[in-house]
Amino acid sequence: MFLLRTCDGSEVLFKLQGTTLLKKLMMVYCDKKSMDIEQIVFLFEGRRIRGKQTPKELEMRNGGEIIAIPDVSGGSLA
């Protein structure tokens, strides 16, 4: 089980196999929230995770926490 925590304080538990691509978790979360996957950054231990990575590759343990926050990159200063 992995805990996905969002910036609004909500939490979602996901059950994933160690070899499942994290893109599956990302897509399910964004679909439930009606959000574009390109607008969300997913972090594990402070590092951005990619959809092609797996829990096993990142050495995630049962109970690991993933943070989902809005992507604020690319803006300009006025």
Protein backbone atom coordinates (compact mmCIF):
# COMPACT_ATOMS: atom_id res chain seq x y z
CA MET A 1 0.00 0.00 0.00
CA PHE A 2 1.15 3.48 -0.84
CA LEU A 3 -0.25 6.72 0.50
CA LEU A 4 -0.81 9.58 -1.92
CA ARG A 5 -1.06 12.90 -0.08
CA THR A 6 -2.23 16.08 -1.80
CA CYS A 7 -1.61 19.75 -1.13
CA ASP A 8 -5.19 20.16 0.13
CA GLY A 9 -4.50 17.59 2.86
CA SER A 10 -6.48 14.71 1.40
CA GLU A 11 -5.03 11.22 1.35
CA VAL A 12 -5.64 8.27 -0.97
CA LEU A 13 -4.37 4.73 -0.44
CA PHE A 14 -3.18 2.79 -3.50
CA LYS A 15 -2.26 -0.86 -3.71
CA LEU A 16 0.44 -1.47 -6.33
CA GLN A 17 2.73 -4.33 -7.20
CA GLY A 18 6.44 -3.51 -7.11
CA THR A 19 6.68 -3.82 -10.89
CA THR A 20 3.60 -1.73 -11.75
CA LEU A 21 4.42 1.49 -13.60
CA LEU A 22 3.67 4.51 -11.42
CA LYS A 23 1.89 6.05 -14.41
CA LYS A 24 -1.08 3.86 -13.46
CA LEU A 25 -1.34 5.52 -10.03
CA MET A 26 -0.88 8.97 -11.58
CA MET A 27 -3.56 8.42 -14.21
CA VAL A 28 -6.10 7.02 -11.73
CA TYR A 29 -5.54 9.94 -9.34
CA CYS A 30 -5.81 12.58 -12.08
CA ASP A 31 -8.88 10.90 -13.57
CA LYS A 32 -10.66 10.88 -10.18
CA LYS A 33 -9.79 14.55 -9.64
CA SER A 34 -10.62 15.52 -13.28
CA MET A 35 -7.12 16.95 -13.66
CA ASP A 36 -4.59 16.85 -16.49
CA ILE A 37 -1.64 14.64 -15.60
CA GLU A 38 0.68 17.32 -17.04
CA GLN A 39 -0.50 19.78 -14.37
CA ILE A 40 0.49 17.62 -11.38
CA VAL A 41 3.94 16.82 -10.00
CA PHE A 42 4.35 13.59 -8.05
CA LEU A 43 7.16 13.41 -5.49
CA PHE A 44 8.68 10.58 -3.49
CA GLU A 45 11.23 11.47 -0.82
CA GLY A 46 11.42 14.98 -2.30
CA ARG A 47 12.27 13.78 -5.81
CA ARG A 48 10.00 13.98 -8.83
CA ILE A 49 8.83 10.59 -10.00
CA ARG A 50 8.13 9.63 -13.60
CA GLY A 51 5.34 7.44 -14.90
CA LYS A 52 7.75 4.90 -16.35
CA GLN A 53 9.28 4.21 -12.93
CA THR A 54 8.12 1.44 -10.58
CA PRO A 55 7.92 1.21 -6.79
CA LYS A 56 10.63 -1.46 -6.90
CA GLU A 57 12.95 0.77 -8.95
CA LEU A 58 12.53 3.59 -6.41
CA GLU A 59 12.94 1.17 -3.50
CA MET A 60 9.55 2.19 -2.12
CA ARG A 61 8.44 0.24 0.91
CA ASN A 62 4.92 -0.65 1.96
CA GLY A 63 3.39 2.51 3.42
CA GLY A 64 5.57 4.79 1.28
CA GLU A 65 4.22 8.28 0.76
CA ILE A 66 3.83 10.04 -2.58
CA ILE A 67 3.04 13.75 -2.66
CA ALA A 68 0.90 15.23 -5.46
CA ILE A 69 1.18 18.98 -6.00
CA PRO A 70 0.25 21.35 -8.83
CA ASP A 71 3.06 21.97 -11.32
CA VAL A 72 3.92 25.66 -11.17
CA SER A 73 6.94 25.57 -13.48
CA GLY A 74 7.22 27.55 -16.68
CA GLY A 75 5.62 30.79 -15.55
CA SER A 76 7.08 34.21 -16.18
CA LEU A 77 7.71 37.10 -13.86
CA ALA A 78 5.86 40.26 -14.74
